[in-house]
PDB file of N, CA and C in Angstrom:
ATOM      1  N   MET A   1     -30.559-175.311 -63.442  1.00  0.00           N
ATOM      2  CA  MET A   1     -31.693-175.404 -64.339  1.00  0.00           C
ATOM      3  C   MET A   1     -31.712-174.182 -65.246  1.00  0.00           C
ATOM      4  N   LYS A   2     -31.994-174.417 -66.503  1.00  0.00           N
ATOM      5  CA  LYS A   2     -32.133-173.310 -67.445  1.00  0.00           C
ATOM      6  C   LYS A   2     -33.609-172.947 -67.561  1.00  0.00           C
ATOM      7  N   ARG A   3     -33.908-171.663 -67.459  1.00  0.00           N
ATOM      8  CA  ARG A   3     -35.279-171.195 -67.654  1.00  0.00           C
ATOM      9  C   ARG A   3     -35.339-170.520 -69.016  1.00  0.00           C
ATOM     10  N   ILE A   4     -36.309-170.946 -69.822  1.00  0.00           N
ATOM     11  CA  ILE A   4     -36.410-170.459 -71.198  1.00  0.00           C
ATOM     12  C   ILE A   4     -37.838-170.029 -71.461  1.00  0.00           C
ATOM     13  N   ARG A   5     -37.987-168.842 -72.043  1.00  0.00           N
ATOM     14  CA  ARG A   5     -39.325-168.397 -72.444  1.00  0.00           C
ATOM     15  C   ARG A   5     -39.871-169.372 -73.473  1.00  0.00           C
ATOM     16  N   GLY A   6     -41.092-169.802 -73.293  1.00  0.00           N
ATOM     17  CA  GLY A   6     -41.702-170.807 -74.156  1.00  0.00           C
ATOM     18  C   GLY A   6     -41.760-170.436 -75.625  1.00  0.00           C
ATOM     19  N   ASP A   7     -41.932-169.138 -75.932  1.00  0.00           N
ATOM     20  CA  ASP A   7     -42.046-168.733 -77.330  1.00  0.00           C
ATOM     21  C   ASP A   7     -40.692-168.649 -78.027  1.00  0.00           C
ATOM     22  N   MET A   8     -39.601-168.780 -77.280  1.00  0.00           N
ATOM     23  CA  MET A   8     -38.268-168.707 -77.882  1.00  0.00           C
ATOM     24  C   MET A   8     -37.462-169.986 -77.646  1.00  0.00           C
ATOM     25  N   LEU A   9     -38.162-171.092 -77.445  1.00  0.00           N
ATOM     26  CA  LEU A   9     -37.518-172.373 -77.206  1.00  0.00           C
ATOM     27  C   LEU A   9     -37.158-173.031 -78.534  1.00  0.00           C
ATOM     28  N   GLY A  10     -35.915-173.476 -78.657  1.00  0.00           N
ATOM     29  CA  GLY A  10     -35.474-174.152 -79.867  1.00  0.00           C
ATOM     30  C   GLY A  10     -35.050-175.578 -79.564  1.00  0.00           C
ATOM     31  N   ILE A  11     -35.411-176.492 -80.437  1.00  0.00           N
ATOM     32  CA  ILE A  11     -35.000-177.893 -80.327  1.00  0.00           C
ATOM     33  C   ILE A  11     -34.400-178.290 -81.663  1.00  0.00           C
ATOM     34  N   ASP A  12     -33.179-178.749 -81.631  1.00  0.00           N
ATOM     35  CA  ASP A  12     -32.498-179.230 -82.835  1.00  0.00           C
ATOM     36  C   ASP A  12     -32.096-180.673 -82.553  1.00  0.00           C
ATOM     37  N   GLN A  13     -32.090-181.494 -83.577  1.00  0.00           N
ATOM     38  CA  GLN A  13     -31.693-182.882 -83.369  1.00  0.00           C
ATOM     39  C   GLN A  13     -31.097-183.440 -84.639  1.00  0.00           C
ATOM     40  N   GLY A  14     -30.362-184.530 -84.484  1.00  0.00           N
ATOM     41  CA  GLY A  14     -29.735-185.131 -85.648  1.00  0.00           C
ATOM     42  C   GLY A  14     -29.177-186.504 -85.340  1.00  0.00           C
ATOM     43  N   SER A  15     -28.626-187.100 -86.371  1.00  0.00           N
ATOM     44  CA  SER A  15     -28.004-188.414 -86.291  1.00  0.00           C
ATOM     45  C   SER A  15     -26.659-188.306 -86.999  1.00  0.00           C
ATOM     46  N   THR A  16     -25.596-188.781 -86.347  1.00  0.00           N
ATOM     47  CA  THR A  16     -24.244-188.607 -86.860  1.00  0.00           C
ATOM     48  C   THR A  16     -23.472-189.916 -86.788  1.00  0.00           C
ATOM     49  N   LEU A  17     -22.885-190.328 -87.903  1.00  0.00           N
ATOM     50  CA  LEU A  17     -21.975-191.461 -87.882  1.00  0.00           C
ATOM     51  C   LEU A  17     -20.670-190.968 -87.276  1.00  0.00           C
ATOM     52  N   VAL A  18     -20.342-191.451 -86.083  1.00  0.00           N
ATOM     53  CA  VAL A  18     -19.161-190.973 -85.369  1.00  0.00           C
ATOM     54  C   VAL A  18     -17.899-191.556 -85.997  1.00  0.00           C
ATOM     55  N   PHE A  19     -17.930-192.841 -86.335  1.00  0.00           N
ATOM     56  CA  PHE A  19     -16.821-193.468 -87.050  1.00  0.00           C
ATOM     57  C   PHE A  19     -17.259-194.817 -87.598  1.00  0.00           C
ATOM     58  N   SER A  20     -16.488-195.305 -88.564  1.00  0.00           N
ATOM     59  CA  SER A  20     -16.670-196.632 -89.147  1.00  0.00           C
ATOM     60  C   SER A  20     -15.281-197.194 -89.411  1.00  0.00           C
ATOM     61  N   ASP A  21     -14.812-198.082 -88.532  1.00  0.00           N
ATOM     62  CA  ASP A  21     -13.427-198.555 -88.583  1.00  0.00           C
ATOM     63  C   ASP A  21     -13.247-199.970 -89.127  1.00  0.00           C
ATOM     64  N   PHE A  22     -14.316-200.712 -89.321  1.00  0.00           N
ATOM     65  CA  PHE A  22     -14.137-202.115 -89.713  1.00  0.00           C
ATOM     66  C   PHE A  22     -13.673-202.277 -91.149  1.00  0.00           C
ATOM     67  N   GLU A  23     -13.992-201.332 -92.023  1.00  0.00           N
ATOM     68  CA  GLU A  23     -13.635-201.453 -93.439  1.00  0.00           C
ATOM     69  C   GLU A  23     -12.139-201.305 -93.691  1.00  0.00           C
ATOM     70  N   ASP A  24     -11.491-200.437 -92.896  1.00  0.00           N
ATOM     71  CA  ASP A  24     -10.072-200.160 -93.147  1.00  0.00           C
ATOM     72  C   ASP A  24      -9.160-200.546 -91.983  1.00  0.00           C
ATOM     73  N   GLY A  25      -9.678-201.333 -91.046  1.00  0.00           N
ATOM     74  CA  GLY A  25      -8.838-201.801 -89.945  1.00  0.00           C
ATOM     75  C   GLY A  25      -8.415-200.702 -89.000  1.00  0.00           C
ATOM     76  N   GLY A  26      -9.308-199.741 -88.724  1.00  0.00           N
ATOM     77  CA  GLY A  26      -8.994-198.631 -87.832  1.00  0.00           C
ATOM     78  C   GLY A  26      -8.792-199.064 -86.394  1.00  0.00           C
ATOM     79  N   GLU A  27      -8.278-198.132 -85.581  1.00  0.00           N
ATOM     80  CA  GLU A  27      -7.902-198.422 -84.195  1.00  0.00           C
ATOM     81  C   GLU A  27      -9.048-198.933 -83.338  1.00  0.00           C
ATOM     82  N   MET A  28     -10.236-198.419 -83.538  1.00  0.00           N
ATOM     83  CA  MET A  28     -11.361-198.862 -82.720  1.00  0.00           C
ATOM     84  C   MET A  28     -11.697-200.330 -82.991  1.00  0.00           C
ATOM     85  N   TRP A  29     -11.482-200.771 -84.223  1.00  0.00           N
ATOM     86  CA  TRP A  29     -11.788-202.157 -84.578  1.00  0.00           C
ATOM     87  C   TRP A  29     -10.640-203.104 -84.227  1.00  0.00           C
ATOM     88  N   THR A  30      -9.408-202.669 -84.416  1.00  0.00           N
ATOM     89  CA  THR A  30      -8.271-203.544 -84.118  1.00  0.00           C
ATOM     90  C   THR A  30      -7.966-203.586 -82.624  1.00  0.00           C
ATOM     91  N   GLY A  31      -8.418-202.577 -81.877  1.00  0.00           N
ATOM     92  CA  GLY A  31      -8.196-202.551 -80.439  1.00  0.00           C
ATOM     93  C   GLY A  31      -6.843-202.020 -80.041  1.00  0.00           C
ATOM     94  N   SER A  32      -6.170-201.319 -80.942  1.00  0.00           N
ATOM     95  CA  SER A  32      -4.874-200.728 -80.612  1.00  0.00           C
ATOM     96  C   SER A  32      -4.865-199.275 -81.063  1.00  0.00           C
ATOM     97  N   GLY A  33      -3.977-198.503 -80.476  1.00  0.00           N
ATOM     98  CA  GLY A  33      -3.903-197.091 -80.838  1.00  0.00           C
ATOM     99  C   GLY A  33      -4.898-196.265 -80.050  1.00  0.00           C
ATOM    100  N   PRO A  34      -5.139-195.008 -80.474  1.00  0.00           N
ATOM    101  CA  PRO A  34      -6.070-194.133 -79.760  1.00  0.00           C
ATOM    102  C   PRO A  34      -7.462-194.754 -79.708  1.00  0.00           C
ATOM    103  N   ARG A  35      -8.067-194.705 -78.551  1.00  0.00           N
ATOM    104  CA  ARG A  35      -9.383-195.322 -78.391  1.00  0.00           C
ATOM    105  C   ARG A  35     -10.455-194.274 -78.135  1.00  0.00           C
ATOM    106  N   GLU A  36     -10.268-193.077 -78.682  1.00  0.00           N
ATOM    107  CA  GLU A  36     -11.236-192.000 -78.544  1.00  0.00           C
ATOM    108  C   GLU A  36     -11.460-191.359 -79.901  1.00  0.00           C
ATOM    109  N   ARG A  37     -12.701-191.033 -80.181  1.00  0.00           N
ATOM    110  CA  ARG A  37     -13.043-190.308 -81.404  1.00  0.00           C
ATOM    111  C   ARG A  37     -13.897-189.101 -81.045  1.00  0.00           C
ATOM    112  N   ARG A  38     -13.634-187.999 -81.730  1.00  0.00           N
ATOM    113  CA  ARG A  38     -14.396-186.768 -81.575  1.00  0.00           C
ATOM    114  C   ARG A  38     -15.004-186.417 -82.922  1.00  0.00           C
ATOM    115  N   CYS A  39     -16.246-186.004 -82.885  1.00  0.00           N
ATOM    116  CA  CYS A  39     -16.965-185.681 -84.111  1.00  0.00           C
ATOM    117  C   CYS A  39     -17.684-184.345 -83.903  1.00  0.00           C
ATOM    118  N   ALA A  40     -17.336-183.350 -84.703  1.00  0.00           N
ATOM    119  CA  ALA A  40     -17.947-182.015 -84.586  1.00  0.00           C
ATOM    120  C   ALA A  40     -19.351-182.015 -85.180  1.00  0.00           C
ATOM    121  N   VAL A  41     -20.267-181.350 -84.477  1.00  0.00           N
ATOM    122  CA  VAL A  41     -21.653-181.204 -84.928  1.00  0.00           C
ATOM    123  C   VAL A  41     -21.994-179.720 -84.896  1.00  0.00           C
ATOM    124  N   ARG A  42     -22.610-179.232 -85.970  1.00  0.00           N
ATOM    125  CA  ARG A  42     -23.078-177.842 -86.011  1.00  0.00           C
ATOM    126  C   ARG A  42     -24.591-177.834 -85.982  1.00  0.00           C
ATOM    127  N   PHE A  43     -25.156-176.906 -85.187  1.00  0.00           N
ATOM    128  CA  PHE A  43     -26.605-176.778 -85.136  1.00  0.00           C
ATOM    129  C   PHE A  43     -27.121-176.149 -86.429  1.00  0.00           C
ATOM    130  N   SER A  44     -28.390-176.375 -86.732  1.00  0.00           N
ATOM    131  CA  SER A  44     -28.963-175.833 -87.966  1.00  0.00           C
ATOM    132  C   SER A  44     -29.047-174.304 -87.917  1.00  0.00           C
ATOM    133  N   GLU A  45     -29.130-173.751 -86.710  1.00  0.00           N
ATOM    134  CA  GLU A  45     -29.010-172.306 -86.505  1.00  0.00           C
ATOM    135  C   GLU A  45     -28.514-172.085 -85.085  1.00  0.00           C
ATOM    136  N   PRO A  46     -27.865-170.956 -84.815  1.00  0.00           N
ATOM    137  CA  PRO A  46     -27.298-170.723 -83.486  1.00  0.00           C
ATOM    138  C   PRO A  46     -28.376-170.557 -82.411  1.00  0.00           C
ATOM    139  N   PHE A  47     -28.045-170.994 -81.210  1.00  0.00           N
ATOM    140  CA  PHE A  47     -28.867-170.734 -80.034  1.00  0.00           C
ATOM    141  C   PHE A  47     -28.406-169.407 -79.424  1.00  0.00           C
ATOM    142  N   GLN A  48     -29.222-168.855 -78.531  1.00  0.00           N
ATOM    143  CA  GLN A  48     -28.860-167.610 -77.845  1.00  0.00           C
ATOM    144  C   GLN A  48     -27.724-167.853 -76.858  1.00  0.00           C
ATOM    145  N   ALA A  49     -27.747-168.991 -76.201  1.00  0.00           N
ATOM    146  CA  ALA A  49     -26.715-169.405 -75.241  1.00  0.00           C
ATOM    147  C   ALA A  49     -26.489-170.902 -75.472  1.00  0.00           C
ATOM    148  N   PRO A  50     -25.389-171.450 -74.978  1.00  0.00           N
ATOM    149  CA  PRO A  50     -25.161-172.888 -75.171  1.00  0.00           C
ATOM    150  C   PRO A  50     -26.349-173.702 -74.646  1.00  0.00           C
ATOM    151  N   PRO A  51     -26.914-174.558 -75.484  1.00  0.00           N
ATOM    152  CA  PRO A  51     -28.091-175.337 -75.091  1.00  0.00           C
ATOM    153  C   PRO A  51     -27.711-176.574 -74.266  1.00  0.00           C
ATOM    154  N   ALA A  52     -28.723-177.216 -73.726  1.00  0.00           N
ATOM    155  CA  ALA A  52     -28.543-178.525 -73.106  1.00  0.00           C
ATOM    156  C   ALA A  52     -28.518-179.548 -74.237  1.00  0.00           C
ATOM    157  N   VAL A  53     -27.523-180.431 -74.245  1.00  0.00           N
ATOM    158  CA  VAL A  53     -27.376-181.415 -75.317  1.00  0.00           C
ATOM    159  C   VAL A  53     -27.367-182.816 -74.721  1.00  0.00           C
ATOM    160  N   SER A  54     -28.147-183.685 -75.314  1.00  0.00           N
ATOM    161  CA  SER A  54     -28.191-185.087 -74.917  1.00  0.00           C
ATOM    162  C   SER A  54     -27.733-185.933 -76.102  1.00  0.00           C
ATOM    163  N   VAL A  55     -26.865-186.910 -75.838  1.00  0.00           N
ATOM    164  CA  VAL A  55     -26.328-187.777 -76.887  1.00  0.00           C
ATOM    165  C   VAL A  55     -26.558-189.232 -76.483  1.00  0.00           C
ATOM    166  N   GLY A  56     -26.967-190.038 -77.438  1.00  0.00           N
ATOM    167  CA  GLY A  56     -27.137-191.466 -77.196  1.00  0.00           C
ATOM    168  C   GLY A  56     -26.697-192.268 -78.402  1.00  0.00           C
ATOM    169  N   VAL A  57     -26.317-193.497 -78.174  1.00  0.00           N
ATOM    170  CA  VAL A  57     -25.896-194.375 -79.268  1.00  0.00           C
ATOM    171  C   VAL A  57     -27.141-194.933 -79.954  1.00  0.00           C
ATOM    172  N   SER A  58     -27.224-194.774 -81.268  1.00  0.00           N
ATOM    173  CA  SER A  58     -28.350-195.308 -82.029  1.00  0.00           C
ATOM    174  C   SER A  58     -27.941-196.510 -82.885  1.00  0.00           C
ATOM    175  N   LEU A  59     -26.637-196.739 -83.032  1.00  0.00           N
ATOM    176  CA  LEU A  59     -26.133-197.919 -83.741  1.00  0.00           C
ATOM    177  C   LEU A  59     -24.855-198.384 -83.071  1.00  0.00           C
ATOM    178  N   TRP A  60     -24.856-199.623 -82.596  1.00  0.00           N
ATOM    179  CA  TRP A  60     -23.659-200.278 -82.056  1.00  0.00           C
ATOM    180  C   TRP A  60     -23.311-201.387 -83.025  1.00  0.00           C
ATOM    181  N   ASP A  61     -22.106-201.423 -83.507  1.00  0.00           N
ATOM    182  CA  ASP A  61     -21.607-202.545 -84.296  1.00  0.00           C
ATOM    183  C   ASP A  61     -20.302-202.950 -83.630  1.00  0.00           C
ATOM    184  N   VAL A  62     -20.374-203.973 -82.766  1.00  0.00           N
ATOM    185  CA  VAL A  62     -19.241-204.332 -81.920  1.00  0.00           C
ATOM    186  C   VAL A  62     -18.937-205.824 -82.045  1.00  0.00           C
ATOM    187  N   ASP A  63     -17.713-206.176 -81.693  1.00  0.00           N
ATOM    188  CA  ASP A  63     -17.277-207.573 -81.667  1.00  0.00           C
ATOM    189  C   ASP A  63     -17.919-208.259 -80.465  1.00  0.00           C
ATOM    190  N   SER A  64     -18.560-209.400 -80.695  1.00  0.00           N
ATOM    191  CA  SER A  64     -19.255-210.095 -79.611  1.00  0.00           C
ATOM    192  C   SER A  64     -18.335-210.974 -78.766  1.00  0.00           C
ATOM    193  N   SER A  65     -17.064-211.098 -79.137  1.00  0.00           N
ATOM    194  CA  SER A  65     -16.162-211.954 -78.373  1.00  0.00           C
ATOM    195  C   SER A  65     -15.434-211.207 -77.252  1.00  0.00           C
ATOM    196  N   SER A  66     -15.707-209.904 -77.108  1.00  0.00           N
ATOM    197  CA  SER A  66     -15.067-209.125 -76.050  1.00  0.00           C
ATOM    198  C   SER A  66     -16.130-208.347 -75.284  1.00  0.00           C
ATOM    199  N   ASN A  67     -15.737-207.829 -74.139  1.00  0.00           N
ATOM    200  CA  ASN A  67     -16.652-207.021 -73.335  1.00  0.00           C
ATOM    201  C   ASN A  67     -16.850-205.652 -73.975  1.00  0.00           C
ATOM    202  N   LEU A  68     -18.026-205.089 -73.765  1.00  0.00           N
ATOM    203  CA  LEU A  68     -18.314-203.757 -74.284  1.00  0.00           C
ATOM    204  C   LEU A  68     -18.120-202.747 -73.155  1.00  0.00           C
ATOM    205  N   ARG A  69     -17.074-201.942 -73.296  1.00  0.00           N
ATOM    206  CA  ARG A  69     -16.759-200.884 -72.332  1.00  0.00           C
ATOM    207  C   ARG A  69     -16.642-199.584 -73.125  1.00  0.00           C
ATOM    208  N   ALA A  70     -17.604-198.700 -72.942  1.00  0.00           N
ATOM    209  CA  ALA A  70     -17.602-197.491 -73.760  1.00  0.00           C
ATOM    210  C   ALA A  70     -18.315-196.356 -73.051  1.00  0.00           C
ATOM    211  N   ASP A  71     -18.022-195.153 -73.519  1.00  0.00           N
ATOM    212  CA  ASP A  71     -18.624-193.943 -72.992  1.00  0.00           C
ATOM    213  C   ASP A  71     -18.880-193.001 -74.162  1.00  0.00           C
ATOM    214  N   ILE A  72     -20.021-192.307 -74.136  1.00  0.00           N
ATOM    215  CA  ILE A  72     -20.322-191.304 -75.157  1.00  0.00           C
ATOM    216  C   ILE A  72     -20.860-190.071 -74.451  1.00  0.00           C
ATOM    217  N   ALA A  73     -20.446-188.889 -74.926  1.00  0.00           N
ATOM    218  CA  ALA A  73     -20.843-187.644 -74.268  1.00  0.00           C
ATOM    219  C   ALA A  73     -20.805-186.484 -75.250  1.00  0.00           C
ATOM    220  N   ALA A  74     -21.482-185.399 -74.873  1.00  0.00           N
ATOM    221  CA  ALA A  74     -21.395-184.128 -75.593  1.00  0.00           C
ATOM    222  C   ALA A  74     -20.424-183.246 -74.820  1.00  0.00           C
ATOM    223  N   GLU A  75     -19.436-182.696 -75.523  1.00  0.00           N
ATOM    224  CA  GLU A  75     -18.457-181.806 -74.900  1.00  0.00           C
ATOM    225  C   GLU A  75     -18.306-180.551 -75.747  1.00  0.00           C
ATOM    226  N   ALA A  76     -17.707-179.540 -75.158  1.00  0.00           N
ATOM    227  CA  ALA A  76     -17.419-178.269 -75.838  1.00  0.00           C
ATOM    228  C   ALA A  76     -18.673-177.686 -76.495  1.00  0.00           C
ATOM    229  N   VAL A  77     -19.768-177.643 -75.745  1.00  0.00           N
ATOM    230  CA  VAL A  77     -21.037-177.128 -76.269  1.00  0.00           C
ATOM    231  C   VAL A  77     -20.964-175.608 -76.349  1.00  0.00           C
ATOM    232  N   THR A  78     -21.291-175.072 -77.526  1.00  0.00           N
ATOM    233  CA  THR A  78     -21.361-173.629 -77.747  1.00  0.00           C
ATOM    234  C   THR A  78     -22.725-173.300 -78.349  1.00  0.00           C
ATOM    235  N   CYS A  79     -22.951-172.043 -78.647  1.00  0.00           N
ATOM    236  CA  CYS A  79     -24.193-171.628 -79.303  1.00  0.00           C
ATOM    237  C   CYS A  79     -24.322-172.220 -80.705  1.00  0.00           C
ATOM    238  N   ASP A  80     -23.191-172.550 -81.331  1.00  0.00           N
ATOM    239  CA  ASP A  80     -23.179-173.005 -82.716  1.00  0.00           C
ATOM    240  C   ASP A  80     -23.073-174.515 -82.889  1.00  0.00           C
ATOM    241  N   GLY A  81     -22.604-175.239 -81.878  1.00  0.00           N
ATOM    242  CA  GLY A  81     -22.435-176.674 -82.034  1.00  0.00           C
ATOM    243  C   GLY A  81     -21.753-177.303 -80.836  1.00  0.00           C
ATOM    244  N   PHE A  82     -21.277-178.533 -81.026  1.00  0.00           N
ATOM    245  CA  PHE A  82     -20.634-179.277 -79.940  1.00  0.00           C
ATOM    246  C   PHE A  82     -19.828-180.427 -80.540  1.00  0.00           C
ATOM    247  N   GLU A  83     -19.161-181.182 -79.681  1.00  0.00           N
ATOM    248  CA  GLU A  83     -18.434-182.369 -80.106  1.00  0.00           C
ATOM    249  C   GLU A  83     -19.038-183.608 -79.461  1.00  0.00           C
ATOM    250  N   ILE A  84     -19.273-184.632 -80.271  1.00  0.00           N
ATOM    251  CA  ILE A  84     -19.620-185.945 -79.743  1.00  0.00           C
ATOM    252  C   ILE A  84     -18.295-186.632 -79.447  1.00  0.00           C
ATOM    253  N   VAL A  85     -18.136-187.136 -78.223  1.00  0.00           N
ATOM    254  CA  VAL A  85     -16.906-187.814 -77.827  1.00  0.00           C
ATOM    255  C   VAL A  85     -17.256-189.248 -77.444  1.00  0.00           C
ATOM    256  N   PHE A  86     -16.641-190.198 -78.148  1.00  0.00           N
ATOM    257  CA  PHE A  86     -16.830-191.620 -77.867  1.00  0.00           C
ATOM    258  C   PHE A  86     -15.476-192.210 -77.538  1.00  0.00           C
ATOM    259  N   HIS A  87     -15.412-192.970 -76.451  1.00  0.00           N
ATOM    260  CA  HIS A  87     -14.171-193.691 -76.180  1.00  0.00           C
ATOM    261  C   HIS A  87     -14.484-195.050 -75.561  1.00  0.00           C
ATOM    262  N   CYS A  88     -13.565-195.968 -75.780  1.00  0.00           N
ATOM    263  CA  CYS A  88     -13.689-197.305 -75.215  1.00  0.00           C
ATOM    264  C   CYS A  88     -12.329-197.729 -74.679  1.00  0.00           C
ATOM    265  N   TRP A  89     -12.304-198.834 -73.952  1.00  0.00           N
ATOM    266  CA  TRP A  89     -11.059-199.277 -73.328  1.00  0.00           C
ATOM    267  C   TRP A  89     -11.087-200.792 -73.172  1.00  0.00           C
ATOM    268  N   GLY A  90      -9.990-201.305 -72.657  1.00  0.00           N
ATOM    269  CA  GLY A  90      -9.867-202.749 -72.465  1.00  0.00           C
ATOM    270  C   GLY A  90      -9.824-203.485 -73.798  1.00  0.00           C
ATOM    271  N   ASP A  91     -10.476-204.630 -73.849  1.00  0.00           N
ATOM    272  CA  ASP A  91     -10.456-205.440 -75.066  1.00  0.00           C
ATOM    273  C   ASP A  91     -11.630-205.146 -76.005  1.00  0.00           C
ATOM    274  N   THR A  92     -12.375-204.087 -75.745  1.00  0.00           N
ATOM    275  CA  THR A  92     -13.522-203.725 -76.569  1.00  0.00           C
ATOM    276  C   THR A  92     -13.091-203.433 -78.001  1.00  0.00           C
ATOM    277  N   ARG A  93     -13.813-204.014 -78.949  1.00  0.00           N
ATOM    278  CA  ARG A  93     -13.565-203.775 -80.377  1.00  0.00           C
ATOM    279  C   ARG A  93     -14.862-203.252 -80.996  1.00  0.00           C
ATOM    280  N   VAL A  94     -14.786-202.052 -81.566  1.00  0.00           N
ATOM    281  CA  VAL A  94     -15.966-201.393 -82.117  1.00  0.00           C
ATOM    282  C   VAL A  94     -15.767-201.163 -83.608  1.00  0.00           C
ATOM    283  N   ALA A  95     -16.699-201.673 -84.409  1.00  0.00           N
ATOM    284  CA  ALA A  95     -16.629-201.487 -85.853  1.00  0.00           C
ATOM    285  C   ALA A  95     -17.152-200.111 -86.260  1.00  0.00           C
ATOM    286  N   ARG A  96     -18.300-199.732 -85.696  1.00  0.00           N
ATOM    287  CA  ARG A  96     -18.852-198.405 -86.014  1.00  0.00           C
ATOM    288  C   ARG A  96     -19.867-197.992 -84.957  1.00  0.00           C
ATOM    289  N   ILE A  97     -20.035-196.687 -84.857  1.00  0.00           N
ATOM    290  CA  ILE A  97     -20.970-196.073 -83.913  1.00  0.00           C
ATOM    291  C   ILE A  97     -21.704-194.936 -84.615  1.00  0.00           C
ATOM    292  N   ARG A  98     -23.022-194.926 -84.451  1.00  0.00           N
ATOM    293  CA  ARG A  98     -23.833-193.778 -84.872  1.00  0.00           C
ATOM    294  C   ARG A  98     -24.502-193.226 -83.620  1.00  0.00           C
ATOM    295  N   ALA A  99     -24.505-191.916 -83.487  1.00  0.00           N
ATOM    296  CA  ALA A  99     -25.104-191.265 -82.320  1.00  0.00           C
ATOM    297  C   ALA A  99     -26.249-190.368 -82.751  1.00  0.00           C
ATOM    298  N   ASP A 100     -27.327-190.392 -81.978  1.00  0.00           N
ATOM    299  CA  ASP A 100     -28.421-189.441 -82.142  1.00  0.00           C
ATOM    300  C   ASP A 100     -28.295-188.411 -81.037  1.00  0.00           C
ATOM    301  N   TRP A 101     -28.642-187.178 -81.333  1.00  0.00           N
ATOM    302  CA  TRP A 101     -28.493-186.103 -80.358  1.00  0.00           C
ATOM    303  C   TRP A 101     -29.682-185.156 -80.417  1.00  0.00           C
ATOM    304  N   THR A 102     -29.915-184.496 -79.288  1.00  0.00           N
ATOM    305  CA  THR A 102     -30.960-183.485 -79.180  1.00  0.00           C
ATOM    306  C   THR A 102     -30.401-182.303 -78.391  1.00  0.00           C
ATOM    307  N   ALA A 103     -30.618-181.105 -78.907  1.00  0.00           N
ATOM    308  CA  ALA A 103     -30.202-179.869 -78.232  1.00  0.00           C
ATOM    309  C   ALA A 103     -31.450-179.035 -77.957  1.00  0.00           C
ATOM    310  N   ILE A 104     -31.561-178.545 -76.723  1.00  0.00           N
ATOM    311  CA  ILE A 104     -32.710-177.734 -76.331  1.00  0.00           C
ATOM    312  C   ILE A 104     -32.186-176.472 -75.659  1.00  0.00           C
ATOM    313  N   GLY A 105     -32.645-175.315 -76.159  1.00  0.00           N
ATOM    314  CA  GLY A 105     -32.179-174.064 -75.573  1.00  0.00           C
ATOM    315  C   GLY A 105     -32.934-172.870 -76.101  1.00  0.00           C
ATOM    316  N   ALA A 106     -32.564-171.717 -75.595  1.00  0.00           N
ATOM    317  CA  ALA A 106     -33.193-170.459 -75.995  1.00  0.00           C
ATOM    318  C   ALA A 106     -32.691-170.032 -77.370  1.00  0.00           C
ATOM    319  N   LEU A 107     -33.599-169.512 -78.165  1.00  0.00           N
ATOM    320  CA  LEU A 107     -33.248-168.967 -79.478  1.00  0.00           C
ATOM    321  C   LEU A 107     -33.124-167.456 -79.387  1.00  0.00           C
ATOM    322  N   LYS A 108     -32.427-166.882 -80.337  1.00  0.00           N
ATOM    323  CA  LYS A 108     -32.322-165.429 -80.408  1.00  0.00           C
ATOM    324  C   LYS A 108     -33.672-164.854 -80.816  1.00  0.00           C
ATOM    325  N   ASP A 109     -34.032-163.758 -80.193  1.00  0.00           N
ATOM    326  CA  ASP A 109     -35.282-163.076 -80.500  1.00  0.00           C
ATOM    327  C   ASP A 109     -34.956-161.868 -81.371  1.00  0.00           C
ATOM    328  N   ASP A 110     -35.358-161.911 -82.632  1.00  0.00           N
ATOM    329  CA  ASP A 110     -35.053-160.817 -83.551  1.00  0.00           C
ATOM    330  C   ASP A 110     -35.741-159.508 -83.153  1.00  0.00           C
ATOM    331  N   ASP A 111     -36.784-159.594 -82.312  1.00  0.00           N
ATOM    332  CA  ASP A 111     -37.500-158.393 -81.875  1.00  0.00           C
ATOM    333  C   ASP A 111     -36.770-157.666 -80.730  1.00  0.00           C
ATOM    334  N   LEU A 112     -35.814-158.335 -80.100  1.00  0.00           N
ATOM    335  CA  LEU A 112     -35.041-157.701 -79.032  1.00  0.00           C
ATOM    336  C   LEU A 112     -33.797-157.074 -79.642  1.00  0.00           C
ATOM    337  N   TRP A 113     -33.769-155.776 -79.704  1.00  0.00           N
ATOM    338  CA  TRP A 113     -32.666-155.066 -80.316  1.00  0.00           C
ATOM    339  C   TRP A 113     -31.556-154.841 -79.308  1.00  0.00           C
ATOM    340  N   GLN A 114     -30.334-154.956 -79.767  1.00  0.00           N
ATOM    341  CA  GLN A 114     -29.178-154.645 -78.943  1.00  0.00           C
ATOM    342  C   GLN A 114     -28.610-153.314 -79.435  1.00  0.00           C
ATOM    343  N   LEU A 115     -28.595-152.306 -78.569  1.00  0.00           N
ATOM    344  CA  LEU A 115     -28.061-150.992 -78.939  1.00  0.00           C
ATOM    345  C   LEU A 115     -26.651-150.826 -78.471  1.00  0.00           C
TER     346      LEU A 115
END
């Protein structure tokens, strides 16, 4: 558990189009080739330490003739940002994915001087 002083709590959030493969016949839509996409996200300002990040799918555009097998996660979380990682497998065909995310963590306190 992270303990954060209430007056220095920061919450950042956003919405990111992770990929859109249906227009150009990309691997996620054709179902062949690499089935993982990584999308870098930068926070609006740095946190004091790597924050807790939650990621969820806010737009699914998938082929209805196959099963939906997919995973989405936040990886490589730093004070400045993280990566959204989406992957699928089997016969899943995905046209596009948009992810919403929320980061919660301690902010830097300008009143605390480092000597």
